[in-house]
């Protein structure tokens, strides 16, 4: 199981600051699709940043067993 940390509106949408999902061996791109299907209430856009082990990850990164993934939505304000 991969630990997923959620921030800002994503944690509000999930009603939790973290989720767990089976995603070992999947690319970040496949992970996003899996996450959206598993948790349709989450708003994951192209602007949502994804960090793996505290470093931003590209869509082709393959998720490893002990990875911790953070989903960081775009920040807006005025």
PDB file of N, CA and C in Angstrom:
ATOM      1  N   UNK A   1       0.835  -1.186   0.000  1.00  0.00           N
ATOM      2  CA  UNK A   1       0.000   0.000   0.000  1.00  0.00           C
ATOM      3  C   UNK A   1       0.881   1.250   0.000  1.00  0.00           C
ATOM      4  N   UNK A   2       0.499   2.182  -0.805  1.00  0.00           N
ATOM      5  CA  UNK A   2       1.211   3.452  -0.920  1.00  0.00           C
ATOM      6  C   UNK A   2       0.458   4.505  -0.111  1.00  0.00           C
ATOM      7  N   UNK A   3       1.186   5.259   0.675  1.00  0.00           N
ATOM      8  CA  UNK A   3       0.590   6.344   1.466  1.00  0.00           C
ATOM      9  C   UNK A   3       0.509   7.596   0.610  1.00  0.00           C
ATOM     10  N   UNK A   4      -0.653   8.225   0.623  1.00  0.00           N
ATOM     11  CA  UNK A   4      -0.891   9.449  -0.146  1.00  0.00           C
ATOM     12  C   UNK A   4      -1.240  10.563   0.828  1.00  0.00           C
ATOM     13  N   UNK A   5      -0.498  11.642   0.787  1.00  0.00           N
ATOM     14  CA  UNK A   5      -0.774  12.814   1.610  1.00  0.00           C
ATOM     15  C   UNK A   5      -1.565  13.817   0.786  1.00  0.00           C
ATOM     16  N   UNK A   6      -2.619  14.351   1.373  1.00  0.00           N
ATOM     17  CA  UNK A   6      -3.483  15.312   0.681  1.00  0.00           C
ATOM     18  C   UNK A   6      -3.402  16.666   1.369  1.00  0.00           C
ATOM     19  N   UNK A   7      -3.421  17.717   0.584  1.00  0.00           N
ATOM     20  CA  UNK A   7      -3.341  19.064   1.118  1.00  0.00           C
ATOM     21  C   UNK A   7      -4.486  19.928   0.590  1.00  0.00           C
ATOM     22  N   UNK A   8      -4.772  20.995   1.340  1.00  0.00           N
ATOM     23  CA  UNK A   8      -5.764  22.009   0.972  1.00  0.00           C
ATOM     24  C   UNK A   8      -7.111  21.378   0.640  1.00  0.00           C
ATOM     25  N   UNK A   9      -7.709  21.779  -0.489  1.00  0.00           N
ATOM     26  CA  UNK A   9      -9.065  21.303  -0.791  1.00  0.00           C
ATOM     27  C   UNK A   9      -9.131  19.793  -1.026  1.00  0.00           C
ATOM     28  N   UNK A  10      -8.028  19.177  -1.413  1.00  0.00           N
ATOM     29  CA  UNK A  10      -8.049  17.722  -1.607  1.00  0.00           C
ATOM     30  C   UNK A  10      -8.292  16.993  -0.290  1.00  0.00           C
ATOM     31  N   UNK A  11      -7.697  17.469   0.798  1.00  0.00           N
ATOM     32  CA  UNK A  11      -7.951  16.839   2.101  1.00  0.00           C
ATOM     33  C   UNK A  11      -9.382  17.086   2.550  1.00  0.00           C
ATOM     34  N   UNK A  12      -9.932  18.235   2.206  1.00  0.00           N
ATOM     35  CA  UNK A  12     -11.334  18.511   2.524  1.00  0.00           C
ATOM     36  C   UNK A  12     -12.259  17.597   1.719  1.00  0.00           C
ATOM     37  N   UNK A  13     -11.963  17.414   0.442  1.00  0.00           N
ATOM     38  CA  UNK A  13     -12.793  16.559  -0.408  1.00  0.00           C
ATOM     39  C   UNK A  13     -12.774  15.107   0.072  1.00  0.00           C
ATOM     40  N   UNK A  14     -11.622  14.631   0.511  1.00  0.00           N
ATOM     41  CA  UNK A  14     -11.486  13.243   0.976  1.00  0.00           C
ATOM     42  C   UNK A  14     -11.873  13.092   2.448  1.00  0.00           C
ATOM     43  N   UNK A  15     -12.043  14.218   3.124  1.00  0.00           N
ATOM     44  CA  UNK A  15     -12.316  14.245   4.562  1.00  0.00           C
ATOM     45  C   UNK A  15     -11.218  13.527   5.345  1.00  0.00           C
ATOM     46  N   UNK A  16     -10.002  13.649   4.827  1.00  0.00           N
ATOM     47  CA  UNK A  16      -8.841  13.033   5.462  1.00  0.00           C
ATOM     48  C   UNK A  16      -7.573  13.650   4.871  1.00  0.00           C
ATOM     49  N   UNK A  17      -6.518  13.664   5.659  1.00  0.00           N
ATOM     50  CA  UNK A  17      -5.244  14.179   5.182  1.00  0.00           C
ATOM     51  C   UNK A  17      -4.390  13.122   4.510  1.00  0.00           C
ATOM     52  N   UNK A  18      -4.855  11.854   4.568  1.00  0.00           N
ATOM     53  CA  UNK A  18      -4.094  10.797   3.911  1.00  0.00           C
ATOM     54  C   UNK A  18      -5.002   9.663   3.456  1.00  0.00           C
ATOM     55  N   UNK A  19      -4.551   9.003   2.418  1.00  0.00           N
ATOM     56  CA  UNK A  19      -5.228   7.839   1.855  1.00  0.00           C
ATOM     57  C   UNK A  19      -4.175   6.768   1.611  1.00  0.00           C
ATOM     58  N   UNK A  20      -4.642   5.549   1.380  1.00  0.00           N
ATOM     59  CA  UNK A  20      -3.751   4.444   1.024  1.00  0.00           C
ATOM     60  C   UNK A  20      -4.324   3.738  -0.187  1.00  0.00           C
ATOM     61  N   UNK A  21      -3.448   3.356  -1.121  1.00  0.00           N
ATOM     62  CA  UNK A  21      -3.895   2.707  -2.349  1.00  0.00           C
ATOM     63  C   UNK A  21      -2.798   1.768  -2.850  1.00  0.00           C
ATOM     64  N   UNK A  22      -3.195   0.706  -3.519  1.00  0.00           N
ATOM     65  CA  UNK A  22      -2.234  -0.204  -4.145  1.00  0.00           C
ATOM     66  C   UNK A  22      -1.781   0.414  -5.469  1.00  0.00           C
ATOM     67  N   UNK A  23      -0.546   0.849  -5.541  1.00  0.00           N
ATOM     68  CA  UNK A  23      -0.063   1.505  -6.760  1.00  0.00           C
ATOM     69  C   UNK A  23       1.392   1.176  -7.064  1.00  0.00           C
ATOM     70  N   UNK A  24       1.964   0.242  -6.345  1.00  0.00           N
ATOM     71  CA  UNK A  24       3.363  -0.114  -6.565  1.00  0.00           C
ATOM     72  C   UNK A  24       3.577  -0.579  -8.005  1.00  0.00           C
ATOM     73  N   UNK A  25       4.607  -0.043  -8.657  1.00  0.00           N
ATOM     74  CA  UNK A  25       4.930  -0.412 -10.028  1.00  0.00           C
ATOM     75  C   UNK A  25       4.207   0.398 -11.084  1.00  0.00           C
ATOM     76  N   UNK A  26       3.249   1.214 -10.680  1.00  0.00           N
ATOM     77  CA  UNK A  26       2.513   2.053 -11.636  1.00  0.00           C
ATOM     78  C   UNK A  26       3.269   3.361 -11.868  1.00  0.00           C
ATOM     79  N   UNK A  27       3.085   3.920 -13.040  1.00  0.00           N
ATOM     80  CA  UNK A  27       3.637   5.249 -13.316  1.00  0.00           C
ATOM     81  C   UNK A  27       2.771   6.292 -12.618  1.00  0.00           C
ATOM     82  N   UNK A  28       3.291   7.481 -12.479  1.00  0.00           N
ATOM     83  CA  UNK A  28       2.502   8.570 -11.891  1.00  0.00           C
ATOM     84  C   UNK A  28       1.255   8.819 -12.737  1.00  0.00           C
ATOM     85  N   UNK A  29       1.379   8.758 -14.055  1.00  0.00           N
ATOM     86  CA  UNK A  29       0.222   8.954 -14.938  1.00  0.00           C
ATOM     87  C   UNK A  29      -0.860   7.904 -14.652  1.00  0.00           C
ATOM     88  N   UNK A  30      -0.469   6.633 -14.541  1.00  0.00           N
ATOM     89  CA  UNK A  30      -1.424   5.560 -14.241  1.00  0.00           C
ATOM     90  C   UNK A  30      -1.987   5.719 -12.832  1.00  0.00           C
ATOM     91  N   UNK A  31      -1.150   6.168 -11.908  1.00  0.00           N
ATOM     92  CA  UNK A  31      -1.575   6.418 -10.532  1.00  0.00           C
ATOM     93  C   UNK A  31      -2.686   7.458 -10.490  1.00  0.00           C
ATOM     94  N   UNK A  32      -2.528   8.551 -11.252  1.00  0.00           N
ATOM     95  CA  UNK A  32      -3.557   9.598 -11.283  1.00  0.00           C
ATOM     96  C   UNK A  32      -4.888   9.035 -11.761  1.00  0.00           C
ATOM     97  N   UNK A  33      -4.857   8.218 -12.814  1.00  0.00           N
ATOM     98  CA  UNK A  33      -6.087   7.599 -13.320  1.00  0.00           C
ATOM     99  C   UNK A  33      -6.710   6.684 -12.270  1.00  0.00           C
ATOM    100  N   UNK A  34      -5.897   5.858 -11.634  1.00  0.00           N
ATOM    101  CA  UNK A  34      -6.377   4.941 -10.605  1.00  0.00           C
ATOM    102  C   UNK A  34      -6.981   5.710  -9.434  1.00  0.00           C
ATOM    103  N   UNK A  35      -6.309   6.757  -9.009  1.00  0.00           N
ATOM    104  CA  UNK A  35      -6.787   7.554  -7.889  1.00  0.00           C
ATOM    105  C   UNK A  35      -8.122   8.220  -8.222  1.00  0.00           C
ATOM    106  N   UNK A  36      -8.249   8.748  -9.431  1.00  0.00           N
ATOM    107  CA  UNK A  36      -9.491   9.412  -9.832  1.00  0.00           C
ATOM    108  C   UNK A  36     -10.655   8.407  -9.886  1.00  0.00           C
ATOM    109  N   UNK A  37     -10.388   7.182 -10.340  1.00  0.00           N
ATOM    110  CA  UNK A  37     -11.428   6.150 -10.378  1.00  0.00           C
ATOM    111  C   UNK A  37     -11.780   5.668  -8.973  1.00  0.00           C
ATOM    112  N   UNK A  38     -10.787   5.556  -8.106  1.00  0.00           N
ATOM    113  CA  UNK A  38     -11.006   5.063  -6.749  1.00  0.00           C
ATOM    114  C   UNK A  38     -11.640   6.111  -5.839  1.00  0.00           C
ATOM    115  N   UNK A  39     -11.331   7.370  -6.091  1.00  0.00           N
ATOM    116  CA  UNK A  39     -11.833   8.476  -5.272  1.00  0.00           C
ATOM    117  C   UNK A  39     -12.370   9.577  -6.183  1.00  0.00           C
ATOM    118  N   UNK A  40     -13.547   9.367  -6.779  1.00  0.00           N
ATOM    119  CA  UNK A  40     -14.075  10.340  -7.750  1.00  0.00           C
ATOM    120  C   UNK A  40     -14.377  11.714  -7.149  1.00  0.00           C
ATOM    121  N   UNK A  41     -14.458  11.800  -5.837  1.00  0.00           N
ATOM    122  CA  UNK A  41     -14.725  13.089  -5.201  1.00  0.00           C
ATOM    123  C   UNK A  41     -13.511  14.016  -5.237  1.00  0.00           C
ATOM    124  N   UNK A  42     -12.338  13.489  -5.522  1.00  0.00           N
ATOM    125  CA  UNK A  42     -11.126  14.310  -5.575  1.00  0.00           C
ATOM    126  C   UNK A  42     -11.019  15.052  -6.903  1.00  0.00           C
ATOM    127  N   UNK A  43     -10.688  16.319  -6.830  1.00  0.00           N
ATOM    128  CA  UNK A  43     -10.470  17.136  -8.013  1.00  0.00           C
ATOM    129  C   UNK A  43      -8.972  17.166  -8.302  1.00  0.00           C
ATOM    130  N   UNK A  44      -8.541  16.278  -9.196  1.00  0.00           N
ATOM    131  CA  UNK A  44      -7.127  16.217  -9.570  1.00  0.00           C
ATOM    132  C   UNK A  44      -7.005  16.763 -10.988  1.00  0.00           C
ATOM    133  N   UNK A  45      -6.329  17.903 -11.108  1.00  0.00           N
ATOM    134  CA  UNK A  45      -6.199  18.547 -12.411  1.00  0.00           C
ATOM    135  C   UNK A  45      -4.753  18.459 -12.901  1.00  0.00           C
ATOM    136  N   UNK A  46      -4.528  18.945 -14.103  1.00  0.00           N
ATOM    137  CA  UNK A  46      -3.164  18.997 -14.647  1.00  0.00           C
ATOM    138  C   UNK A  46      -2.275  19.895 -13.792  1.00  0.00           C
ATOM    139  N   UNK A  47      -2.890  20.853 -13.085  1.00  0.00           N
ATOM    140  CA  UNK A  47      -2.123  21.780 -12.252  1.00  0.00           C
ATOM    141  C   UNK A  47      -1.787  21.199 -10.880  1.00  0.00           C
ATOM    142  N   UNK A  48      -2.371  20.059 -10.525  1.00  0.00           N
ATOM    143  CA  UNK A  48      -2.067  19.418  -9.252  1.00  0.00           C
ATOM    144  C   UNK A  48      -0.634  18.884  -9.300  1.00  0.00           C
ATOM    145  N   UNK A  49       0.178  19.323  -8.368  1.00  0.00           N
ATOM    146  CA  UNK A  49       1.569  18.878  -8.305  1.00  0.00           C
ATOM    147  C   UNK A  49       1.629  17.564  -7.536  1.00  0.00           C
ATOM    148  N   UNK A  50       2.507  16.681  -7.981  1.00  0.00           N
ATOM    149  CA  UNK A  50       2.692  15.401  -7.316  1.00  0.00           C
ATOM    150  C   UNK A  50       4.148  15.273  -6.910  1.00  0.00           C
ATOM    151  N   UNK A  51       4.338  15.038  -5.619  1.00  0.00           N
ATOM    152  CA  UNK A  51       5.683  14.833  -5.087  1.00  0.00           C
ATOM    153  C   UNK A  51       5.782  13.407  -4.559  1.00  0.00           C
ATOM    154  N   UNK A  52       6.914  12.790  -4.800  1.00  0.00           N
ATOM    155  CA  UNK A  52       7.200  11.459  -4.277  1.00  0.00           C
ATOM    156  C   UNK A  52       8.406  11.595  -3.359  1.00  0.00           C
ATOM    157  N   UNK A  53       8.213  11.217  -2.108  1.00  0.00           N
ATOM    158  CA  UNK A  53       9.288  11.330  -1.117  1.00  0.00           C
ATOM    159  C   UNK A  53       9.875  12.742  -1.070  1.00  0.00           C
ATOM    160  N   UNK A  54       8.976  13.722  -1.112  1.00  0.00           N
ATOM    161  CA  UNK A  54       9.296  15.143  -0.975  1.00  0.00           C
ATOM    162  C   UNK A  54      10.029  15.749  -2.162  1.00  0.00           C
ATOM    163  N   UNK A  55       9.971  15.087  -3.324  1.00  0.00           N
ATOM    164  CA  UNK A  55      10.534  15.648  -4.550  1.00  0.00           C
ATOM    165  C   UNK A  55       9.498  15.534  -5.653  1.00  0.00           C
ATOM    166  N   UNK A  56       9.339  16.599  -6.433  1.00  0.00           N
ATOM    167  CA  UNK A  56       8.358  16.571  -7.512  1.00  0.00           C
ATOM    168  C   UNK A  56       8.684  15.455  -8.497  1.00  0.00           C
ATOM    169  N   UNK A  57       7.627  14.771  -8.968  1.00  0.00           N
ATOM    170  CA  UNK A  57       7.799  13.608  -9.844  1.00  0.00           C
ATOM    171  C   UNK A  57       7.145  13.843 -11.196  1.00  0.00           C
ATOM    172  N   UNK A  58       7.759  13.320 -12.226  1.00  0.00           N
ATOM    173  CA  UNK A  58       7.218  13.369 -13.587  1.00  0.00           C
ATOM    174  C   UNK A  58       6.241  12.209 -13.779  1.00  0.00           C
ATOM    175  N   UNK A  59       5.414  12.295 -14.822  1.00  0.00           N
ATOM    176  CA  UNK A  59       4.389  11.278 -15.094  1.00  0.00           C
ATOM    177  C   UNK A  59       4.964   9.888 -15.363  1.00  0.00           C
ATOM    178  N   UNK A  60       6.219   9.794 -15.789  1.00  0.00           N
ATOM    179  CA  UNK A  60       6.793   8.485 -16.110  1.00  0.00           C
ATOM    180  C   UNK A  60       7.487   7.818 -14.920  1.00  0.00           C
ATOM    181  N   UNK A  61       7.545   8.484 -13.769  1.00  0.00           N
ATOM    182  CA  UNK A  61       8.165   7.888 -12.579  1.00  0.00           C
ATOM    183  C   UNK A  61       7.382   6.643 -12.167  1.00  0.00           C
ATOM    184  N   UNK A  62       8.079   5.537 -11.869  1.00  0.00           N
ATOM    185  CA  UNK A  62       7.429   4.307 -11.416  1.00  0.00           C
ATOM    186  C   UNK A  62       7.438   4.251  -9.894  1.00  0.00           C
ATOM    187  N   UNK A  63       6.272   4.095  -9.321  1.00  0.00           N
ATOM    188  CA  UNK A  63       6.087   4.106  -7.871  1.00  0.00           C
ATOM    189  C   UNK A  63       6.700   2.846  -7.253  1.00  0.00           C
ATOM    190  N   UNK A  64       7.467   3.070  -6.194  1.00  0.00           N
ATOM    191  CA  UNK A  64       8.138   1.995  -5.472  1.00  0.00           C
ATOM    192  C   UNK A  64       7.384   1.671  -4.173  1.00  0.00           C
ATOM    193  N   UNK A  65       7.702   0.538  -3.591  1.00  0.00           N
ATOM    194  CA  UNK A  65       6.992   0.009  -2.425  1.00  0.00           C
ATOM    195  C   UNK A  65       6.900   0.982  -1.250  1.00  0.00           C
ATOM    196  N   UNK A  66       7.955   1.660  -0.902  1.00  0.00           N
ATOM    197  CA  UNK A  66       7.989   2.513   0.293  1.00  0.00           C
ATOM    198  C   UNK A  66       7.734   3.994  -0.001  1.00  0.00           C
ATOM    199  N   UNK A  67       7.366   4.330  -1.231  1.00  0.00           N
ATOM    200  CA  UNK A  67       7.153   5.735  -1.589  1.00  0.00           C
ATOM    201  C   UNK A  67       5.986   6.347  -0.820  1.00  0.00           C
ATOM    202  N   UNK A  68       6.125   7.634  -0.533  1.00  0.00           N
ATOM    203  CA  UNK A  68       5.035   8.439   0.017  1.00  0.00           C
ATOM    204  C   UNK A  68       4.748   9.518  -1.018  1.00  0.00           C
ATOM    205  N   UNK A  69       3.500   9.585  -1.445  1.00  0.00           N
ATOM    206  CA  UNK A  69       3.113  10.517  -2.504  1.00  0.00           C
ATOM    207  C   UNK A  69       2.296  11.651  -1.902  1.00  0.00           C
ATOM    208  N   UNK A  70       2.623  12.868  -2.273  1.00  0.00           N
ATOM    209  CA  UNK A  70       1.873  14.049  -1.827  1.00  0.00           C
ATOM    210  C   UNK A  70       1.194  14.680  -3.032  1.00  0.00           C
ATOM    211  N   UNK A  71      -0.068  15.006  -2.864  1.00  0.00           N
ATOM    212  CA  UNK A  71      -0.833  15.714  -3.896  1.00  0.00           C
ATOM    213  C   UNK A  71      -1.027  17.140  -3.432  1.00  0.00           C
ATOM    214  N   UNK A  72      -0.527  18.070  -4.215  1.00  0.00           N
ATOM    215  CA  UNK A  72      -0.536  19.478  -3.847  1.00  0.00           C
ATOM    216  C   UNK A  72      -1.334  20.247  -4.907  1.00  0.00           C
ATOM    217  N   UNK A  73      -2.543  20.679  -4.551  1.00  0.00           N
ATOM    218  CA  UNK A  73      -3.351  21.406  -5.528  1.00  0.00           C
ATOM    219  C   UNK A  73      -2.779  22.792  -5.808  1.00  0.00           C
ATOM    220  N   UNK A  74      -3.172  23.393  -6.936  1.00  0.00           N
ATOM    221  CA  UNK A  74      -2.685  24.741  -7.240  1.00  0.00           C
ATOM    222  C   UNK A  74      -3.171  25.731  -6.169  1.00  0.00           C
ATOM    223  N   UNK A  75      -2.339  26.700  -5.880  1.00  0.00           N
ATOM    224  CA  UNK A  75      -2.675  27.705  -4.884  1.00  0.00           C
ATOM    225  C   UNK A  75      -3.203  28.933  -5.597  1.00  0.00           C
ATOM    226  N   UNK A  76      -4.310  29.436  -5.098  1.00  0.00           N
ATOM    227  CA  UNK A  76      -4.847  30.670  -5.666  1.00  0.00           C
ATOM    228  C   UNK A  76      -5.165  31.618  -4.514  1.00  0.00           C
ATOM    229  N   UNK A  77      -5.217  32.863  -4.827  1.00  0.00           N
ATOM    230  CA  UNK A  77      -5.505  33.833  -3.793  1.00  0.00           C
ATOM    231  C   UNK A  77      -5.472  35.228  -4.354  1.00  0.00           C
ATOM    232  N   UNK A  78      -5.742  36.134  -3.525  1.00  0.00           N
ATOM    233  CA  UNK A  78      -5.764  37.481  -4.041  1.00  0.00           C
ATOM    234  C   UNK A  78      -5.565  38.528  -3.016  1.00  0.00           C
TER     235      UNK A  78
END
